[in-house]
Amino acid sequence: PRAEVALLAFIVGAGIAPQLFIEGLAS
């Protein structure tokens, strides 16, 4: 289903940079 897939892709993709920032690039 397109709508559900798009929402999940947005959530996962949007979190990549913030979690790296929180954890530190050396992790």
mmCIF file of all heavy atoms, coordinates in Angstrom:
data_MODEL
# 
_entry.id   MODEL 
# 
loop_
_atom_site.group_PDB 
_atom_site.id 
_atom_site.type_symbol 
_atom_site.label_atom_id 
_atom_site.label_alt_id 
_atom_site.label_comp_id 
_atom_site.label_asym_id 
_atom_site.label_entity_id 
_atom_site.label_seq_id 
_atom_site.pdbx_PDB_ins_code 
_atom_site.Cartn_x 
_atom_site.Cartn_y 
_atom_site.Cartn_z 
_atom_site.occupancy 
_atom_site.B_iso_or_equiv 
_atom_site.pdbx_formal_charge 
_atom_site.auth_seq_id 
_atom_site.auth_comp_id 
_atom_site.auth_asym_id 
_atom_site.auth_atom_id 
_atom_site.pdbx_PDB_model_num 
ATOM 1   N N   . PRO A 1 1  ? 0.820  -1.218 0.000  1.00 0.00 ? 1  PRO A N   1 
ATOM 2   C CA  . PRO A 1 1  ? 0.000  0.000  0.000  1.00 0.00 ? 1  PRO A CA  1 
ATOM 3   C C   . PRO A 1 1  ? 0.849  1.260  0.000  1.00 0.00 ? 1  PRO A C   1 
ATOM 4   O O   . PRO A 1 1  ? 1.718  1.443  0.875  1.00 0.00 ? 1  PRO A O   1 
ATOM 5   C CB  . PRO A 1 1  ? -0.815 -0.138 1.295  1.00 0.00 ? 1  PRO A CB  1 
ATOM 6   C CG  . PRO A 1 1  ? -0.872 -1.605 1.560  1.00 0.00 ? 1  PRO A CG  1 
ATOM 7   C CD  . PRO A 1 1  ? 0.424  -2.153 1.085  1.00 0.00 ? 1  PRO A CD  1 
ATOM 8   N N   . ARG A 1 2  ? 0.603  2.169  -0.944 1.00 0.00 ? 2  ARG A N   1 
ATOM 9   C CA  . ARG A 1 2  ? 1.489  3.302  -1.167 1.00 0.00 ? 2  ARG A CA  1 
ATOM 10  C C   . ARG A 1 2  ? 1.524  4.269  0.013  1.00 0.00 ? 2  ARG A C   1 
ATOM 11  O O   . ARG A 1 2  ? 2.603  4.719  0.425  1.00 0.00 ? 2  ARG A O   1 
ATOM 12  C CB  . ARG A 1 2  ? 1.047  4.049  -2.432 1.00 0.00 ? 2  ARG A CB  1 
ATOM 13  C CG  . ARG A 1 2  ? 1.270  3.279  -3.722 1.00 0.00 ? 2  ARG A CG  1 
ATOM 14  C CD  . ARG A 1 2  ? 0.834  4.101  -4.923 1.00 0.00 ? 2  ARG A CD  1 
ATOM 15  N NE  . ARG A 1 2  ? 1.558  5.360  -5.025 1.00 0.00 ? 2  ARG A NE  1 
ATOM 16  C CZ  . ARG A 1 2  ? 2.728  5.501  -5.638 1.00 0.00 ? 2  ARG A CZ  1 
ATOM 17  N NH1 . ARG A 1 2  ? 3.317  4.450  -6.191 1.00 0.00 ? 2  ARG A NH1 1 
ATOM 18  N NH2 . ARG A 1 2  ? 3.317  6.674  -5.701 1.00 0.00 ? 2  ARG A NH2 1 
ATOM 19  N N   . ALA A 1 3  ? 0.366  4.633  0.561  1.00 0.00 ? 3  ALA A N   1 
ATOM 20  C CA  . ALA A 1 3  ? 0.339  5.656  1.620  1.00 0.00 ? 3  ALA A CA  1 
ATOM 21  C C   . ALA A 1 3  ? 1.101  5.190  2.852  1.00 0.00 ? 3  ALA A C   1 
ATOM 22  O O   . ALA A 1 3  ? 1.909  5.931  3.436  1.00 0.00 ? 3  ALA A O   1 
ATOM 23  C CB  . ALA A 1 3  ? -1.104 5.990  1.983  1.00 0.00 ? 3  ALA A CB  1 
ATOM 24  N N   . GLU A 1 4  ? 0.855  3.946  3.248  1.00 0.00 ? 4  GLU A N   1 
ATOM 25  C CA  . GLU A 1 4  ? 1.533  3.413  4.430  1.00 0.00 ? 4  GLU A CA  1 
ATOM 26  C C   . GLU A 1 4  ? 3.035  3.307  4.208  1.00 0.00 ? 4  GLU A C   1 
ATOM 27  O O   . GLU A 1 4  ? 3.836  3.652  5.088  1.00 0.00 ? 4  GLU A O   1 
ATOM 28  C CB  . GLU A 1 4  ? 0.958  2.041  4.791  1.00 0.00 ? 4  GLU A CB  1 
ATOM 29  C CG  . GLU A 1 4  ? -0.449 2.070  5.353  1.00 0.00 ? 4  GLU A CG  1 
ATOM 30  C CD  . GLU A 1 4  ? -1.513 2.091  4.253  1.00 0.00 ? 4  GLU A CD  1 
ATOM 31  O OE1 . GLU A 1 4  ? -1.144 2.306  3.060  1.00 0.00 ? 4  GLU A OE1 1 
ATOM 32  O OE2 . GLU A 1 4  ? -2.696 1.899  4.573  1.00 0.00 ? 4  GLU A OE2 1 
ATOM 33  N N   . VAL A 1 5  ? 3.424  2.820  3.025  1.00 0.00 ? 5  VAL A N   1 
ATOM 34  C CA  . VAL A 1 5  ? 4.842  2.685  2.709  1.00 0.00 ? 5  VAL A CA  1 
ATOM 35  C C   . VAL A 1 5  ? 5.535  4.042  2.704  1.00 0.00 ? 5  VAL A C   1 
ATOM 36  O O   . VAL A 1 5  ? 6.646  4.209  3.236  1.00 0.00 ? 5  VAL A O   1 
ATOM 37  C CB  . VAL A 1 5  ? 5.021  1.973  1.355  1.00 0.00 ? 5  VAL A CB  1 
ATOM 38  C CG1 . VAL A 1 5  ? 6.454  2.119  0.849  1.00 0.00 ? 5  VAL A CG1 1 
ATOM 39  C CG2 . VAL A 1 5  ? 4.670  0.498  1.479  1.00 0.00 ? 5  VAL A CG2 1 
ATOM 40  N N   . ALA A 1 6  ? 4.883  5.045  2.132  1.00 0.00 ? 6  ALA A N   1 
ATOM 41  C CA  . ALA A 1 6  ? 5.469  6.388  2.074  1.00 0.00 ? 6  ALA A CA  1 
ATOM 42  C C   . ALA A 1 6  ? 5.672  6.955  3.483  1.00 0.00 ? 6  ALA A C   1 
ATOM 43  O O   . ALA A 1 6  ? 6.709  7.561  3.775  1.00 0.00 ? 6  ALA A O   1 
ATOM 44  C CB  . ALA A 1 6  ? 4.587  7.313  1.246  1.00 0.00 ? 6  ALA A CB  1 
ATOM 45  N N   . LEU A 1 7  ? 4.686  6.767  4.343  1.00 0.00 ? 7  LEU A N   1 
ATOM 46  C CA  . LEU A 1 7  ? 4.802  7.274  5.717  1.00 0.00 ? 7  LEU A CA  1 
ATOM 47  C C   . LEU A 1 7  ? 5.942  6.589  6.454  1.00 0.00 ? 7  LEU A C   1 
ATOM 48  O O   . LEU A 1 7  ? 6.756  7.256  7.118  1.00 0.00 ? 7  LEU A O   1 
ATOM 49  C CB  . LEU A 1 7  ? 3.489  7.058  6.466  1.00 0.00 ? 7  LEU A CB  1 
ATOM 50  C CG  . LEU A 1 7  ? 3.484  7.466  7.947  1.00 0.00 ? 7  LEU A CG  1 
ATOM 51  C CD1 . LEU A 1 7  ? 3.759  8.952  8.101  1.00 0.00 ? 7  LEU A CD1 1 
ATOM 52  C CD2 . LEU A 1 7  ? 2.152  7.084  8.603  1.00 0.00 ? 7  LEU A CD2 1 
ATOM 53  N N   . LEU A 1 8  ? 6.033  5.271  6.334  1.00 0.00 ? 8  LEU A N   1 
ATOM 54  C CA  . LEU A 1 8  ? 7.097  4.538  7.018  1.00 0.00 ? 8  LEU A CA  1 
ATOM 55  C C   . LEU A 1 8  ? 8.463  4.935  6.484  1.00 0.00 ? 8  LEU A C   1 
ATOM 56  O O   . LEU A 1 8  ? 9.418  5.112  7.266  1.00 0.00 ? 8  LEU A O   1 
ATOM 57  C CB  . LEU A 1 8  ? 6.877  3.030  6.863  1.00 0.00 ? 8  LEU A CB  1 
ATOM 58  C CG  . LEU A 1 8  ? 5.622  2.464  7.537  1.00 0.00 ? 8  LEU A CG  1 
ATOM 59  C CD1 . LEU A 1 8  ? 5.451  0.987  7.175  1.00 0.00 ? 8  LEU A CD1 1 
ATOM 60  C CD2 . LEU A 1 8  ? 5.697  2.633  9.046  1.00 0.00 ? 8  LEU A CD2 1 
ATOM 61  N N   . ALA A 1 9  ? 8.580  5.084  5.170  1.00 0.00 ? 9  ALA A N   1 
ATOM 62  C CA  . ALA A 1 9  ? 9.859  5.489  4.587  1.00 0.00 ? 9  ALA A CA  1 
ATOM 63  C C   . ALA A 1 9  ? 10.271 6.873  5.094  1.00 0.00 ? 9  ALA A C   1 
ATOM 64  O O   . ALA A 1 9  ? 11.453 7.116  5.384  1.00 0.00 ? 9  ALA A O   1 
ATOM 65  C CB  . ALA A 1 9  ? 9.764  5.488  3.065  1.00 0.00 ? 9  ALA A CB  1 
ATOM 66  N N   . PHE A 1 10 ? 9.301  7.767  5.230  1.00 0.00 ? 10 PHE A N   1 
ATOM 67  C CA  . PHE A 1 10 ? 9.602  9.120  5.720  1.00 0.00 ? 10 PHE A CA  1 
ATOM 68  C C   . PHE A 1 10 ? 10.095 9.076  7.167  1.00 0.00 ? 10 PHE A C   1 
ATOM 69  O O   . PHE A 1 10 ? 11.103 9.715  7.516  1.00 0.00 ? 10 PHE A O   1 
ATOM 70  C CB  . PHE A 1 10 ? 8.355  10.002 5.623  1.00 0.00 ? 10 PHE A CB  1 
ATOM 71  C CG  . PHE A 1 10 ? 8.537  11.347 6.280  1.00 0.00 ? 10 PHE A CG  1 
ATOM 72  C CD1 . PHE A 1 10 ? 9.273  12.343 5.651  1.00 0.00 ? 10 PHE A CD1 1 
ATOM 73  C CD2 . PHE A 1 10 ? 7.994  11.598 7.525  1.00 0.00 ? 10 PHE A CD2 1 
ATOM 74  C CE1 . PHE A 1 10 ? 9.461  13.575 6.268  1.00 0.00 ? 10 PHE A CE1 1 
ATOM 75  C CE2 . PHE A 1 10 ? 8.164  12.824 8.141  1.00 0.00 ? 10 PHE A CE2 1 
ATOM 76  C CZ  . PHE A 1 10 ? 8.906  13.812 7.511  1.00 0.00 ? 10 PHE A CZ  1 
ATOM 77  N N   . ILE A 1 11 ? 9.409  8.303  8.018  1.00 0.00 ? 11 ILE A N   1 
ATOM 78  C CA  . ILE A 1 11 ? 9.799  8.238  9.439  1.00 0.00 ? 11 ILE A CA  1 
ATOM 79  C C   . ILE A 1 11 ? 11.199 7.663  9.592  1.00 0.00 ? 11 ILE A C   1 
ATOM 80  O O   . ILE A 1 11 ? 12.039 8.214  10.310 1.00 0.00 ? 11 ILE A O   1 
ATOM 81  C CB  . ILE A 1 11 ? 8.779  7.407  10.233 1.00 0.00 ? 11 ILE A CB  1 
ATOM 82  C CG1 . ILE A 1 11 ? 7.424  8.127  10.286 1.00 0.00 ? 11 ILE A CG1 1 
ATOM 83  C CG2 . ILE A 1 11 ? 9.289  7.151  11.656 1.00 0.00 ? 11 ILE A CG2 1 
ATOM 84  C CD1 . ILE A 1 11 ? 6.314  7.293  10.881 1.00 0.00 ? 11 ILE A CD1 1 
ATOM 85  N N   . VAL A 1 12 ? 11.435 6.554  8.908  1.00 0.00 ? 12 VAL A N   1 
ATOM 86  C CA  . VAL A 1 12 ? 12.745 5.909  9.040  1.00 0.00 ? 12 VAL A CA  1 
ATOM 87  C C   . VAL A 1 12 ? 13.843 6.806  8.472  1.00 0.00 ? 12 VAL A C   1 
ATOM 88  O O   . VAL A 1 12 ? 14.882 7.024  9.096  1.00 0.00 ? 12 VAL A O   1 
ATOM 89  C CB  . VAL A 1 12 ? 12.751 4.535  8.343  1.00 0.00 ? 12 VAL A CB  1 
ATOM 90  C CG1 . VAL A 1 12 ? 14.144 3.899  8.426  1.00 0.00 ? 12 VAL A CG1 1 
ATOM 91  C CG2 . VAL A 1 12 ? 11.722 3.612  8.981  1.00 0.00 ? 12 VAL A CG2 1 
ATOM 92  N N   . GLY A 1 13 ? 13.596 7.341  7.287  1.00 0.00 ? 13 GLY A N   1 
ATOM 93  C CA  . GLY A 1 13 ? 14.607 8.182  6.650  1.00 0.00 ? 13 GLY A CA  1 
ATOM 94  C C   . GLY A 1 13 ? 14.898 9.453  7.417  1.00 0.00 ? 13 GLY A C   1 
ATOM 95  O O   . GLY A 1 13 ? 16.053 9.868  7.555  1.00 0.00 ? 13 GLY A O   1 
ATOM 96  N N   . ALA A 1 14 ? 13.843 10.082 7.957  1.00 0.00 ? 14 ALA A N   1 
ATOM 97  C CA  . ALA A 1 14 ? 14.020 11.340 8.680  1.00 0.00 ? 14 ALA A CA  1 
ATOM 98  C C   . ALA A 1 14 ? 14.793 11.146 9.974  1.00 0.00 ? 14 ALA A C   1 
ATOM 99  O O   . ALA A 1 14 ? 15.387 12.099 10.496 1.00 0.00 ? 14 ALA A O   1 
ATOM 100 C CB  . ALA A 1 14 ? 12.658 11.965 8.980  1.00 0.00 ? 14 ALA A CB  1 
ATOM 101 N N   . GLY A 1 15 ? 14.791 9.920  10.520 1.00 0.00 ? 15 GLY A N   1 
ATOM 102 C CA  . GLY A 1 15 ? 15.470 9.692  11.791 1.00 0.00 ? 15 GLY A CA  1 
ATOM 103 C C   . GLY A 1 15 ? 16.941 9.352  11.682 1.00 0.00 ? 15 GLY A C   1 
ATOM 104 O O   . GLY A 1 15 ? 17.656 9.348  12.694 1.00 0.00 ? 15 GLY A O   1 
ATOM 105 N N   . ILE A 1 16 ? 17.431 9.067  10.473 1.00 0.00 ? 16 ILE A N   1 
ATOM 106 C CA  . ILE A 1 16 ? 18.809 8.603  10.328 1.00 0.00 ? 16 ILE A CA  1 
ATOM 107 C C   . ILE A 1 16 ? 19.813 9.639  10.821 1.00 0.00 ? 16 ILE A C   1 
ATOM 108 O O   . ILE A 1 16 ? 20.686 9.345  11.655 1.00 0.00 ? 16 ILE A O   1 
ATOM 109 C CB  . ILE A 1 16 ? 19.100 8.205  8.870  1.00 0.00 ? 16 ILE A CB  1 
ATOM 110 C CG1 . ILE A 1 16 ? 18.272 6.970  8.486  1.00 0.00 ? 16 ILE A CG1 1 
ATOM 111 C CG2 . ILE A 1 16 ? 20.587 7.928  8.676  1.00 0.00 ? 16 ILE A CG2 1 
ATOM 112 C CD1 . ILE A 1 16 ? 18.382 6.575  7.028  1.00 0.00 ? 16 ILE A CD1 1 
ATOM 113 N N   . ALA A 1 17 ? 19.712 10.850 10.323 1.00 0.00 ? 17 ALA A N   1 
ATOM 114 C CA  . ALA A 1 17 ? 20.670 11.889 10.719 1.00 0.00 ? 17 ALA A CA  1 
ATOM 115 C C   . ALA A 1 17 ? 20.553 12.255 12.200 1.00 0.00 ? 17 ALA A C   1 
ATOM 116 O O   . ALA A 1 17 ? 21.580 12.351 12.893 1.00 0.00 ? 17 ALA A O   1 
ATOM 117 C CB  . ALA A 1 17 ? 20.498 13.123 9.830  1.00 0.00 ? 17 ALA A CB  1 
ATOM 118 N N   . PRO A 1 18 ? 19.333 12.468 12.740 1.00 0.00 ? 18 PRO A N   1 
ATOM 119 C CA  . PRO A 1 18 ? 19.246 12.796 14.173 1.00 0.00 ? 18 PRO A CA  1 
ATOM 120 C C   . PRO A 1 18 ? 19.826 11.725 15.088 1.00 0.00 ? 18 PRO A C   1 
ATOM 121 O O   . PRO A 1 18 ? 20.510 12.040 16.061 1.00 0.00 ? 18 PRO A O   1 
ATOM 122 C CB  . PRO A 1 18 ? 17.740 12.964 14.407 1.00 0.00 ? 18 PRO A CB  1 
ATOM 123 C CG  . PRO A 1 18 ? 17.189 13.348 13.077 1.00 0.00 ? 18 PRO A CG  1 
ATOM 124 C CD  . PRO A 1 18 ? 18.032 12.612 12.078 1.00 0.00 ? 18 PRO A CD  1 
ATOM 125 N N   . GLN A 1 19 ? 19.583 10.451 14.784 1.00 0.00 ? 19 GLN A N   1 
ATOM 126 C CA  . GLN A 1 19 ? 20.118 9.420  15.685 1.00 0.00 ? 19 GLN A CA  1 
ATOM 127 C C   . GLN A 1 19 ? 21.634 9.347  15.587 1.00 0.00 ? 19 GLN A C   1 
ATOM 128 O O   . GLN A 1 19 ? 22.314 9.100  16.595 1.00 0.00 ? 19 GLN A O   1 
ATOM 129 C CB  . GLN A 1 19 ? 19.456 8.063  15.427 1.00 0.00 ? 19 GLN A CB  1 
ATOM 130 C CG  . GLN A 1 19 ? 19.897 7.304  14.205 1.00 0.00 ? 19 GLN A CG  1 
ATOM 131 C CD  . GLN A 1 19 ? 21.080 6.371  14.464 1.00 0.00 ? 19 GLN A CD  1 
ATOM 132 O OE1 . GLN A 1 19 ? 21.349 5.989  15.588 1.00 0.00 ? 19 GLN A OE1 1 
ATOM 133 N NE2 . GLN A 1 19 ? 21.792 6.020  13.409 1.00 0.00 ? 19 GLN A NE2 1 
ATOM 134 N N   . LEU A 1 20 ? 22.193 9.601  14.429 1.00 0.00 ? 20 LEU A N   1 
ATOM 135 C CA  . LEU A 1 20 ? 23.646 9.653  14.313 1.00 0.00 ? 20 LEU A CA  1 
ATOM 136 C C   . LEU A 1 20 ? 24.208 10.827 15.106 1.00 0.00 ? 20 LEU A C   1 
ATOM 137 O O   . LEU A 1 20 ? 25.255 10.721 15.751 1.00 0.00 ? 20 LEU A O   1 
ATOM 138 C CB  . LEU A 1 20 ? 24.064 9.774  12.844 1.00 0.00 ? 20 LEU A CB  1 
ATOM 139 C CG  . LEU A 1 20 ? 24.168 8.479  12.044 1.00 0.00 ? 20 LEU A CG  1 
ATOM 140 C CD1 . LEU A 1 20 ? 24.441 8.774  10.578 1.00 0.00 ? 20 LEU A CD1 1 
ATOM 141 C CD2 . LEU A 1 20 ? 25.254 7.576  12.601 1.00 0.00 ? 20 LEU A CD2 1 
ATOM 142 N N   . PHE A 1 21 ? 23.506 11.955 15.065 1.00 0.00 ? 21 PHE A N   1 
ATOM 143 C CA  . PHE A 1 21 ? 23.947 13.130 15.818 1.00 0.00 ? 21 PHE A CA  1 
ATOM 144 C C   . PHE A 1 21 ? 23.894 12.861 17.320 1.00 0.00 ? 21 PHE A C   1 
ATOM 145 O O   . PHE A 1 21 ? 24.816 13.207 18.058 1.00 0.00 ? 21 PHE A O   1 
ATOM 146 C CB  . PHE A 1 21 ? 23.064 14.330 15.465 1.00 0.00 ? 21 PHE A CB  1 
ATOM 147 C CG  . PHE A 1 21 ? 23.369 15.560 16.272 1.00 0.00 ? 21 PHE A CG  1 
ATOM 148 C CD1 . PHE A 1 21 ? 24.464 16.348 15.964 1.00 0.00 ? 21 PHE A CD1 1 
ATOM 149 C CD2 . PHE A 1 21 ? 22.567 15.922 17.354 1.00 0.00 ? 21 PHE A CD2 1 
ATOM 150 C CE1 . PHE A 1 21 ? 24.763 17.480 16.722 1.00 0.00 ? 21 PHE A CE1 1 
ATOM 151 C CE2 . PHE A 1 21 ? 22.849 17.043 18.112 1.00 0.00 ? 21 PHE A CE2 1 
ATOM 152 C CZ  . PHE A 1 21 ? 23.955 17.830 17.790 1.00 0.00 ? 21 PHE A CZ  1 
ATOM 153 N N   . ILE A 1 22 ? 22.815 12.217 17.767 1.00 0.00 ? 22 ILE A N   1 
ATOM 154 C CA  . ILE A 1 22 ? 22.656 11.916 19.189 1.00 0.00 ? 22 ILE A CA  1 
ATOM 155 C C   . ILE A 1 22 ? 23.731 10.947 19.671 1.00 0.00 ? 22 ILE A C   1 
ATOM 156 O O   . ILE A 1 22 ? 24.327 11.123 20.737 1.00 0.00 ? 22 ILE A O   1 
ATOM 157 C CB  . ILE A 1 22 ? 21.249 11.338 19.459 1.00 0.00 ? 22 ILE A CB  1 
ATOM 158 C CG1 . ILE A 1 22 ? 20.177 12.417 19.215 1.00 0.00 ? 22 ILE A CG1 1 
ATOM 159 C CG2 . ILE A 1 22 ? 21.138 10.799 20.876 1.00 0.00 ? 22 ILE A CG2 1 
ATOM 160 C CD1 . ILE A 1 22 ? 18.769 11.864 19.149 1.00 0.00 ? 22 ILE A CD1 1 
ATOM 161 N N   . GLU A 1 23 ? 23.975 9.906  18.890 1.00 0.00 ? 23 GLU A N   1 
ATOM 162 C CA  . GLU A 1 23 ? 24.908 8.864  19.313 1.00 0.00 ? 23 GLU A CA  1 
ATOM 163 C C   . GLU A 1 23 ? 26.364 9.240  19.082 1.00 0.00 ? 23 GLU A C   1 
ATOM 164 O O   . GLU A 1 23 ? 27.248 8.719  19.749 1.00 0.00 ? 23 GLU A O   1 
ATOM 165 C CB  . GLU A 1 23 ? 24.605 7.555  18.563 1.00 0.00 ? 23 GLU A CB  1 
ATOM 166 C CG  . GLU A 1 23 ? 23.209 7.017  18.794 1.00 0.00 ? 23 GLU A CG  1 
ATOM 167 C CD  . GLU A 1 23 ? 22.973 6.592  20.233 1.00 0.00 ? 23 GLU A CD  1 
ATOM 168 O OE1 . GLU A 1 23 ? 23.958 6.276  20.933 1.00 0.00 ? 23 GLU A OE1 1 
ATOM 169 O OE2 . GLU A 1 23 ? 21.808 6.589  20.660 1.00 0.00 ? 23 GLU A OE2 1 
ATOM 170 N N   . GLY A 1 24 ? 26.615 10.135 18.140 1.00 0.00 ? 24 GLY A N   1 
ATOM 171 C CA  . GLY A 1 24 ? 27.984 10.502 17.803 1.00 0.00 ? 24 GLY A CA  1 
ATOM 172 C C   . GLY A 1 24 ? 28.486 9.718  16.606 1.00 0.00 ? 24 GLY A C   1 
ATOM 173 O O   . GLY A 1 24 ? 28.206 8.526  16.470 1.00 0.00 ? 24 GLY A O   1 
ATOM 174 N N   . LEU A 1 25 ? 29.237 10.395 15.748 1.00 0.00 ? 25 LEU A N   1 
ATOM 175 C CA  . LEU A 1 25 ? 29.692 9.768  14.512 1.00 0.00 ? 25 LEU A CA  1 
ATOM 176 C C   . LEU A 1 25 ? 30.742 8.692  14.747 1.00 0.00 ? 25 LEU A C   1 
ATOM 177 O O   . LEU A 1 25 ? 31.080 7.945  13.835 1.00 0.00 ? 25 LEU A O   1 
ATOM 178 C CB  . LEU A 1 25 ? 30.241 10.843 13.564 1.00 0.00 ? 25 LEU A CB  1 
ATOM 179 C CG  . LEU A 1 25 ? 29.214 11.884 13.098 1.00 0.00 ? 25 LEU A CG  1 
ATOM 180 C CD1 . LEU A 1 25 ? 29.891 12.887 12.151 1.00 0.00 ? 25 LEU A CD1 1 
ATOM 181 C CD2 . LEU A 1 25 ? 28.027 11.224 12.408 1.00 0.00 ? 25 LEU A CD2 1 
ATOM 182 N N   . ALA A 1 26 ? 31.268 8.600  15.960 1.00 0.00 ? 26 ALA A N   1 
ATOM 183 C CA  . ALA A 1 26 ? 32.259 7.560  16.263 1.00 0.00 ? 26 ALA A CA  1 
ATOM 184 C C   . ALA A 1 26 ? 31.621 6.248  16.693 1.00 0.00 ? 26 ALA A C   1 
ATOM 185 O O   . ALA A 1 26 ? 32.323 5.260  16.913 1.00 0.00 ? 26 ALA A O   1 
ATOM 186 C CB  . ALA A 1 26 ? 33.208 8.042  17.355 1.00 0.00 ? 26 ALA A CB  1 
ATOM 187 N N   . SER A 1 27 ? 30.294 6.208  16.796 1.00 0.00 ? 27 SER A N   1 
ATOM 188 C CA  . SER A 1 27 ? 29.601 5.002  17.258 1.00 0.00 ? 27 SER A CA  1 
ATOM 189 C C   . SER A 1 27 ? 29.378 4.030  16.103 1.00 0.00 ? 27 SER A C   1 
ATOM 190 O O   . SER A 1 27 ? 28.576 4.305  15.205 1.00 0.00 ? 27 SER A O   1 
ATOM 191 C CB  . SER A 1 27 ? 28.260 5.369  17.904 1.00 0.00 ? 27 SER A CB  1 
ATOM 192 O OG  . SER A 1 27 ? 27.504 4.208  18.156 1.00 0.00 ? 27 SER A OG  1 
# 
